[in-house]
Amino acid sequence: MISTNQNSTIVEKIAQTQYPIHDLLKNRWSALAFSNCSVEPEKLCSVLEAARWAPSSYNEQPWSFIVATREDQVEYNRLLDCLVDINKSWAAQAPVLMLSIAKHHFEVNGKPNRHAFHDVGLAVSNLVTQAVSLNLFVHQMAGFEVEKARELFNIPENYEPVAAIALGYLGNPQSLPEPLQQRHLAPRNRKSLEKFVFHGSWGQPSPLVVNQEQKT
């Protein structure tokens, strides 16, 4: 469901779920239009605190974040410069940019941590949910130059940039070029549960979700 107010600044894209989920999850979506309003430092620390308390394999906490706000334009521009052009075109409006980074090896024994990206994802999921609770929006990006980020921010060899992140308050979609406006306003959609919840064999939908679907 999409709704807008009279000046089209506020867009709500509430997920139409098959089963009940928390409102924070229903209201989360990846905005493209950001307000130029600064994010309060205490709110920014709050979303990072939420990331801090994510679960991780062996409590390794293999995540790090490089954070740049528009209050420090030099650092902000350095992070912005890592993005591919299409992402620069809209992310430059966001007041906060971040880079999530994963540590490849366990601290305790030096062995490869194949769950590192998974755990960074959990940390960012916490960050995103906390952001929604504070009326903030987050858009994660795969479109950035990994090696450029590594060089610009002196990221050690044992660490790998995972995703770029834009964060801020929702802006007016009319500030976007037409194709991006359409993306910003497009309805949300997801695969149904039977497409990815299996039982007994790969690709065989679980009776749990099939039976529930038949009841609804």
C-alpha atoms as a PDB file:
ATOM      1  CA  MET A   1       0.000   0.000   0.000  1.00  0.00           C
ATOM      2  CA  ILE A   2       1.316   3.421  -0.978  1.00  0.00           C
ATOM      3  CA  SER A   3      -0.007   6.697   0.384  1.00  0.00           C
ATOM      4  CA  THR A   4       1.269  10.259   0.088  1.00  0.00           C
ATOM      5  CA  ASN A   5       0.322  13.510   1.746  1.00  0.00           C
ATOM      6  CA  GLN A   6      -0.832  16.623  -0.085  1.00  0.00           C
ATOM      7  CA  ASN A   7       2.638  17.887  -0.973  1.00  0.00           C
ATOM      8  CA  SER A   8       3.886  14.391  -1.907  1.00  0.00           C
ATOM      9  CA  THR A   9       6.784  14.621   0.529  1.00  0.00           C
ATOM     10  CA  ILE A  10       5.722  11.770   2.791  1.00  0.00           C
ATOM     11  CA  VAL A  11       5.441   8.361   1.192  1.00  0.00           C
ATOM     12  CA  GLU A  12       4.235   5.304   3.087  1.00  0.00           C
ATOM     13  CA  LYS A  13       4.848   1.893   1.566  1.00  0.00           C
ATOM     14  CA  ILE A  14       3.456  -0.520   4.125  1.00  0.00           C
ATOM     15  CA  ALA A  15       4.173  -4.164   3.341  1.00  0.00           C
ATOM     16  CA  GLN A  16       1.131  -6.280   2.485  1.00  0.00           C
ATOM     17  CA  THR A  17       2.116  -9.416   4.366  1.00  0.00           C
ATOM     18  CA  GLN A  18       0.789 -12.976   4.190  1.00  0.00           C
ATOM     19  CA  TYR A  19       1.069 -13.247   7.990  1.00  0.00           C
ATOM     20  CA  PRO A  20       1.326 -10.662  10.775  1.00  0.00           C
ATOM     21  CA  ILE A  21       4.751  -9.094  11.372  1.00  0.00           C
ATOM     22  CA  HIS A  22       5.949  -6.188  13.515  1.00  0.00           C
ATOM     23  CA  ASP A  23       5.058  -2.708  12.281  1.00  0.00           C
ATOM     24  CA  LEU A  24       8.744  -1.715  12.212  1.00  0.00           C
ATOM     25  CA  LEU A  25       9.313  -4.428   9.607  1.00  0.00           C
ATOM     26  CA  LYS A  26       6.176  -3.581   7.658  1.00  0.00           C
ATOM     27  CA  ASN A  27       7.185   0.087   7.440  1.00  0.00           C
ATOM     28  CA  ARG A  28      10.807  -0.453   6.389  1.00  0.00           C
ATOM     29  CA  TRP A  29      11.661   0.234   2.765  1.00  0.00           C
ATOM     30  CA  SER A  30      14.643   1.534   0.828  1.00  0.00           C
ATOM     31  CA  ALA A  31      13.948   5.166   0.041  1.00  0.00           C
ATOM     32  CA  LEU A  32      15.706   7.075  -2.720  1.00  0.00           C
ATOM     33  CA  ALA A  33      14.553  10.593  -1.825  1.00  0.00           C
ATOM     34  CA  PHE A  34      16.210  11.988   1.309  1.00  0.00           C
ATOM     35  CA  SER A  35      15.690  15.267   3.121  1.00  0.00           C
ATOM     36  CA  ASN A  36      18.749  17.487   3.585  1.00  0.00           C
ATOM     37  CA  CYS A  37      17.845  17.700   7.284  1.00  0.00           C
ATOM     38  CA  SER A  38      20.758  16.536   9.468  1.00  0.00           C
ATOM     39  CA  VAL A  39      20.418  13.429  11.596  1.00  0.00           C
ATOM     40  CA  GLU A  40      20.821  14.153  15.291  1.00  0.00           C
ATOM     41  CA  PRO A  41      24.080  12.663  16.669  1.00  0.00           C
ATOM     42  CA  GLU A  42      22.220  10.832  19.426  1.00  0.00           C
ATOM     43  CA  LYS A  43      19.977   9.134  16.854  1.00  0.00           C
ATOM     44  CA  LEU A  44      22.961   8.167  14.743  1.00  0.00           C
ATOM     45  CA  CYS A  45      24.630   6.688  17.823  1.00  0.00           C
ATOM     46  CA  SER A  46      21.394   4.875  18.627  1.00  0.00           C
ATOM     47  CA  VAL A  47      21.293   3.048  15.298  1.00  0.00           C
ATOM     48  CA  LEU A  48      24.965   2.116  15.656  1.00  0.00           C
ATOM     49  CA  GLU A  49      24.294   0.881  19.190  1.00  0.00           C
ATOM     50  CA  ALA A  50      21.583  -1.369  17.760  1.00  0.00           C
ATOM     51  CA  ALA A  51      24.135  -2.798  15.321  1.00  0.00           C
ATOM     52  CA  ARG A  52      26.507  -3.371  18.227  1.00  0.00           C
ATOM     53  CA  TRP A  53      24.050  -5.733  19.907  1.00  0.00           C
ATOM     54  CA  ALA A  54      23.485  -8.017  16.925  1.00  0.00           C
ATOM     55  CA  PRO A  55      24.250 -11.735  17.352  1.00  0.00           C
ATOM     56  CA  SER A  56      27.348 -13.195  15.715  1.00  0.00           C
ATOM     57  CA  SER A  57      29.202 -16.492  15.446  1.00  0.00           C
ATOM     58  CA  TYR A  58      31.297 -16.989  18.614  1.00  0.00           C
ATOM     59  CA  ASN A  59      30.322 -13.408  19.500  1.00  0.00           C
ATOM     60  CA  GLU A  60      33.100 -12.382  17.131  1.00  0.00           C
ATOM     61  CA  GLN A  61      31.277  -9.191  16.075  1.00  0.00           C
ATOM     62  CA  PRO A  62      33.077  -9.049  12.699  1.00  0.00           C
ATOM     63  CA  TRP A  63      31.499  -5.742  11.668  1.00  0.00           C
ATOM     64  CA  SER A  64      32.940  -2.271  11.362  1.00  0.00           C
ATOM     65  CA  PHE A  65      31.379   0.903   9.995  1.00  0.00           C
ATOM     66  CA  ILE A  66      32.919   3.932   8.372  1.00  0.00           C
ATOM     67  CA  VAL A  67      30.522   6.838   8.948  1.00  0.00           C
ATOM     68  CA  ALA A  68      30.491  10.185   7.176  1.00  0.00           C
ATOM     69  CA  THR A  69      28.038  13.023   7.721  1.00  0.00           C
ATOM     70  CA  ARG A  70      27.598  16.195   5.737  1.00  0.00           C
ATOM     71  CA  GLU A  71      28.917  18.160   8.727  1.00  0.00           C
ATOM     72  CA  ASP A  72      32.359  16.938   7.615  1.00  0.00           C
ATOM     73  CA  GLN A  73      32.090  17.580   3.897  1.00  0.00           C
ATOM     74  CA  VAL A  74      35.577  16.301   3.072  1.00  0.00           C
ATOM     75  CA  GLU A  75      34.949  12.868   4.580  1.00  0.00           C
ATOM     76  CA  TYR A  76      31.412  12.817   3.191  1.00  0.00           C
ATOM     77  CA  ASN A  77      32.697  13.458  -0.331  1.00  0.00           C
ATOM     78  CA  ARG A  78      35.343  10.755   0.024  1.00  0.00           C
ATOM     79  CA  LEU A  79      32.707   8.160   0.823  1.00  0.00           C
ATOM     80  CA  LEU A  80      30.331   9.501  -1.817  1.00  0.00           C
ATOM     81  CA  ASP A  81      33.130   9.202  -4.374  1.00  0.00           C
ATOM     82  CA  CYS A  82      33.205   5.430  -3.812  1.00  0.00           C
ATOM     83  CA  LEU A  83      29.654   5.021  -5.132  1.00  0.00           C
ATOM     84  CA  VAL A  84      28.833   4.193  -8.730  1.00  0.00           C
ATOM     85  CA  ASP A  85      27.336   7.107 -10.657  1.00  0.00           C
ATOM     86  CA  ILE A  86      23.680   6.013 -10.495  1.00  0.00           C
ATOM     87  CA  ASN A  87      23.880   5.797  -6.715  1.00  0.00           C
ATOM     88  CA  LYS A  88      25.724   9.105  -6.425  1.00  0.00           C
ATOM     89  CA  SER A  89      22.832  10.782  -8.233  1.00  0.00           C
ATOM     90  CA  TRP A  90      20.425  10.232  -5.332  1.00  0.00           C
ATOM     91  CA  ALA A  91      22.601   9.275  -2.332  1.00  0.00           C
ATOM     92  CA  ALA A  92      24.263  12.709  -2.422  1.00  0.00           C
ATOM     93  CA  GLN A  93      21.058  14.055  -0.837  1.00  0.00           C
ATOM     94  CA  ALA A  94      21.327  11.779   2.210  1.00  0.00           C
ATOM     95  CA  PRO A  95      22.888  13.483   5.247  1.00  0.00           C
ATOM     96  CA  VAL A  96      24.686  10.304   6.365  1.00  0.00           C
ATOM     97  CA  LEU A  97      26.707   7.812   4.353  1.00  0.00           C
ATOM     98  CA  MET A  98      28.263   4.641   5.741  1.00  0.00           C
ATOM     99  CA  LEU A  99      30.313   1.685   4.653  1.00  0.00           C
ATOM    100  CA  SER A 100      29.846  -1.682   6.344  1.00  0.00           C
ATOM    101  CA  ILE A 101      32.955  -3.844   6.570  1.00  0.00           C
ATOM    102  CA  ALA A 102      33.462  -7.521   7.454  1.00  0.00           C
ATOM    103  CA  LYS A 103      36.477  -9.128   9.116  1.00  0.00           C
ATOM    104  CA  HIS A 104      37.323 -12.362   7.297  1.00  0.00           C
ATOM    105  CA  HIS A 105      39.017 -14.316  10.082  1.00  0.00           C
ATOM    106  CA  PHE A 106      38.187 -15.203  13.680  1.00  0.00           C
ATOM    107  CA  GLU A 107      40.133 -13.278  16.267  1.00  0.00           C
ATOM    108  CA  VAL A 108      40.342 -16.306  18.574  1.00  0.00           C
ATOM    109  CA  ASN A 109      42.128 -18.707  16.214  1.00  0.00           C
ATOM    110  CA  GLY A 110      42.812 -16.932  12.917  1.00  0.00           C
ATOM    111  CA  LYS A 111      40.621 -19.336  10.948  1.00  0.00           C
ATOM    112  CA  PRO A 112      38.407 -18.075   8.112  1.00  0.00           C
ATOM    113  CA  ASN A 113      34.997 -16.891   9.296  1.00  0.00           C
ATOM    114  CA  ARG A 114      32.607 -17.901   6.548  1.00  0.00           C
ATOM    115  CA  HIS A 115      29.740 -16.359   8.513  1.00  0.00           C
ATOM    116  CA  ALA A 116      31.279 -12.887   8.574  1.00  0.00           C
ATOM    117  CA  PHE A 117      29.066 -11.410   5.836  1.00  0.00           C
ATOM    118  CA  HIS A 118      26.030 -13.073   7.421  1.00  0.00           C
ATOM    119  CA  ASP A 119      26.850 -11.477  10.768  1.00  0.00           C
ATOM    120  CA  VAL A 120      27.473  -8.045   9.244  1.00  0.00           C
ATOM    121  CA  GLY A 121      24.039  -8.404   7.657  1.00  0.00           C
ATOM    122  CA  LEU A 122      22.530  -9.115  11.068  1.00  0.00           C
ATOM    123  CA  ALA A 123      24.197  -6.012  12.491  1.00  0.00           C
ATOM    124  CA  VAL A 124      22.882  -3.858   9.654  1.00  0.00           C
ATOM    125  CA  SER A 125      19.416  -5.388  10.055  1.00  0.00           C
ATOM    126  CA  ASN A 126      19.457  -4.220  13.679  1.00  0.00           C
ATOM    127  CA  LEU A 127      20.656  -0.801  12.523  1.00  0.00           C
ATOM    128  CA  VAL A 128      17.877  -0.549   9.947  1.00  0.00           C
ATOM    129  CA  THR A 129      15.129  -1.581  12.359  1.00  0.00           C
ATOM    130  CA  GLN A 130      16.317   0.916  14.960  1.00  0.00           C
ATOM    131  CA  ALA A 131      16.409   3.590  12.261  1.00  0.00           C
ATOM    132  CA  VAL A 132      12.772   2.899  11.348  1.00  0.00           C
ATOM    133  CA  SER A 133      11.808   3.300  15.013  1.00  0.00           C
ATOM    134  CA  LEU A 134      13.375   6.785  14.892  1.00  0.00           C
ATOM    135  CA  ASN A 135      11.599   7.809  11.670  1.00  0.00           C
ATOM    136  CA  LEU A 136      14.815   7.429   9.686  1.00  0.00           C
ATOM    137  CA  PHE A 137      15.225   5.647   6.368  1.00  0.00           C
ATOM    138  CA  VAL A 138      18.100   3.489   5.183  1.00  0.00           C
ATOM    139  CA  HIS A 139      19.102   2.430   1.688  1.00  0.00           C
ATOM    140  CA  GLN A 140      21.828  -0.178   1.316  1.00  0.00           C
ATOM    141  CA  MET A 141      23.889  -0.283  -1.880  1.00  0.00           C
ATOM    142  CA  ALA A 142      25.916  -2.956  -3.602  1.00  0.00           C
ATOM    143  CA  GLY A 143      26.899  -0.365  -6.214  1.00  0.00           C
ATOM    144  CA  PHE A 144      30.211   1.010  -4.980  1.00  0.00           C
ATOM    145  CA  GLU A 145      33.872   0.545  -5.872  1.00  0.00           C
ATOM    146  CA  VAL A 146      35.305  -1.912  -3.350  1.00  0.00           C
ATOM    147  CA  GLU A 147      38.979  -1.402  -4.130  1.00  0.00           C
ATOM    148  CA  LYS A 148      38.607   2.361  -4.240  1.00  0.00           C
ATOM    149  CA  ALA A 149      36.995   2.270  -0.789  1.00  0.00           C
ATOM    150  CA  ARG A 150      39.768   0.025   0.477  1.00  0.00           C
ATOM    151  CA  GLU A 151      42.406   2.450  -0.754  1.00  0.00           C
ATOM    152  CA  LEU A 152      40.716   5.683   0.328  1.00  0.00           C
ATOM    153  CA  PHE A 153      40.037   4.465   3.856  1.00  0.00           C
ATOM    154  CA  ASN A 154      43.142   2.291   4.366  1.00  0.00           C
ATOM    155  CA  ILE A 155      41.083  -0.838   5.019  1.00  0.00           C
ATOM    156  CA  PRO A 156      43.379  -3.750   6.019  1.00  0.00           C
ATOM    157  CA  GLU A 157      43.709  -6.867   3.876  1.00  0.00           C
ATOM    158  CA  ASN A 158      41.822  -9.065   6.348  1.00  0.00           C
ATOM    159  CA  TYR A 159      38.730  -6.841   6.074  1.00  0.00           C
ATOM    160  CA  GLU A 160      36.344  -6.408   3.159  1.00  0.00           C
ATOM    161  CA  PRO A 161      33.848  -3.644   2.404  1.00  0.00           C
ATOM    162  CA  VAL A 162      30.377  -5.180   2.237  1.00  0.00           C
ATOM    163  CA  ALA A 163      27.860  -2.456   1.386  1.00  0.00           C
ATOM    164  CA  ALA A 164      27.421   1.287   1.196  1.00  0.00           C
ATOM    165  CA  ILE A 165      24.566   2.761   3.223  1.00  0.00           C
ATOM    166  CA  ALA A 166      22.615   6.012   2.930  1.00  0.00           C
ATOM    167  CA  LEU A 167      20.650   7.162   5.978  1.00  0.00           C
ATOM    168  CA  GLY A 168      18.421  10.121   6.716  1.00  0.00           C
ATOM    169  CA  TYR A 169      14.918  11.487   6.881  1.00  0.00           C
ATOM    170  CA  LEU A 170      12.505  10.962   4.027  1.00  0.00           C
ATOM    171  CA  GLY A 171      12.593  13.611   1.311  1.00  0.00           C
ATOM    172  CA  ASN A 172      10.379  14.762  -1.522  1.00  0.00           C
ATOM    173  CA  PRO A 173      10.331  12.304  -4.454  1.00  0.00           C
ATOM    174  CA  GLN A 174       9.882  15.247  -6.807  1.00  0.00           C
ATOM    175  CA  SER A 175      13.542  16.064  -6.179  1.00  0.00           C
ATOM    176  CA  LEU A 176      14.476  12.882  -8.083  1.00  0.00           C
ATOM    177  CA  PRO A 177      14.782  12.403 -11.840  1.00  0.00           C
ATOM    178  CA  GLU A 178      11.718  10.718 -13.329  1.00  0.00           C
ATOM    179  CA  PRO A 179      13.107   7.136 -13.489  1.00  0.00           C
ATOM    180  CA  LEU A 180      14.210   7.323  -9.862  1.00  0.00           C
ATOM    181  CA  GLN A 181      10.859   8.800  -8.827  1.00  0.00           C
ATOM    182  CA  GLN A 182       9.206   5.722 -10.286  1.00  0.00           C
ATOM    183  CA  ARG A 183      11.537   3.450  -8.320  1.00  0.00           C
ATOM    184  CA  HIS A 184      10.969   5.428  -5.136  1.00  0.00           C
ATOM    185  CA  LEU A 185       7.174   5.193  -5.488  1.00  0.00           C
ATOM    186  CA  ALA A 186       6.940   1.656  -6.871  1.00  0.00           C
ATOM    187  CA  PRO A 187       4.928  -0.820  -4.784  1.00  0.00           C
ATOM    188  CA  ARG A 188       6.918  -3.249  -2.676  1.00  0.00           C
ATOM    189  CA  ASN A 189       6.762  -6.931  -3.521  1.00  0.00           C
ATOM    190  CA  ARG A 190       8.269 -10.185  -2.273  1.00  0.00           C
ATOM    191  CA  LYS A 191       8.249 -13.853  -3.228  1.00  0.00           C
ATOM    192  CA  SER A 192       5.583 -15.893  -1.481  1.00  0.00           C
ATOM    193  CA  LEU A 193       6.725 -18.220   1.330  1.00  0.00           C
ATOM    194  CA  GLU A 194       6.256 -21.394  -0.706  1.00  0.00           C
ATOM    195  CA  LYS A 195       8.899 -20.111  -3.145  1.00  0.00           C
ATOM    196  CA  PHE A 196      11.674 -20.365  -0.543  1.00  0.00           C
ATOM    197  CA  VAL A 197      10.458 -22.370   2.480  1.00  0.00           C
ATOM    198  CA  PHE A 198      11.183 -26.026   1.662  1.00  0.00           C
ATOM    199  CA  HIS A 199      10.682 -29.429   3.274  1.00  0.00           C
ATOM    200  CA  GLY A 200      12.249 -32.808   2.559  1.00  0.00           C
ATOM    201  CA  SER A 201      13.937 -31.841  -0.721  1.00  0.00           C
ATOM    202  CA  TRP A 202      15.207 -28.718  -2.415  1.00  0.00           C
ATOM    203  CA  GLY A 203      12.408 -26.845  -4.124  1.00  0.00           C
ATOM    204  CA  GLN A 204       9.650 -28.809  -2.402  1.00  0.00           C
ATOM    205  CA  PRO A 205       7.416 -26.299  -0.595  1.00  0.00           C
ATOM    206  CA  SER A 206       6.938 -26.955   3.098  1.00  0.00           C
ATOM    207  CA  PRO A 207       3.466 -28.275   4.022  1.00  0.00           C
ATOM    208  CA  LEU A 208       3.464 -25.633   6.747  1.00  0.00           C
ATOM    209  CA  VAL A 209       3.220 -22.742   4.308  1.00  0.00           C
ATOM    210  CA  VAL A 210       1.227 -24.625   1.656  1.00  0.00           C
ATOM    211  CA  ASN A 211      -1.437 -25.721   4.140  1.00  0.00           C
ATOM    212  CA  GLN A 212      -1.676 -22.241   5.645  1.00  0.00           C
ATOM    213  CA  GLU A 213      -1.985 -20.730   2.182  1.00  0.00           C
ATOM    214  CA  GLN A 214      -4.866 -23.065   1.379  1.00  0.00           C
ATOM    215  CA  LYS A 215      -6.711 -21.934   4.509  1.00  0.00           C
ATOM    216  CA  THR A 216      -6.514 -18.235   3.623  1.00  0.00           C
END
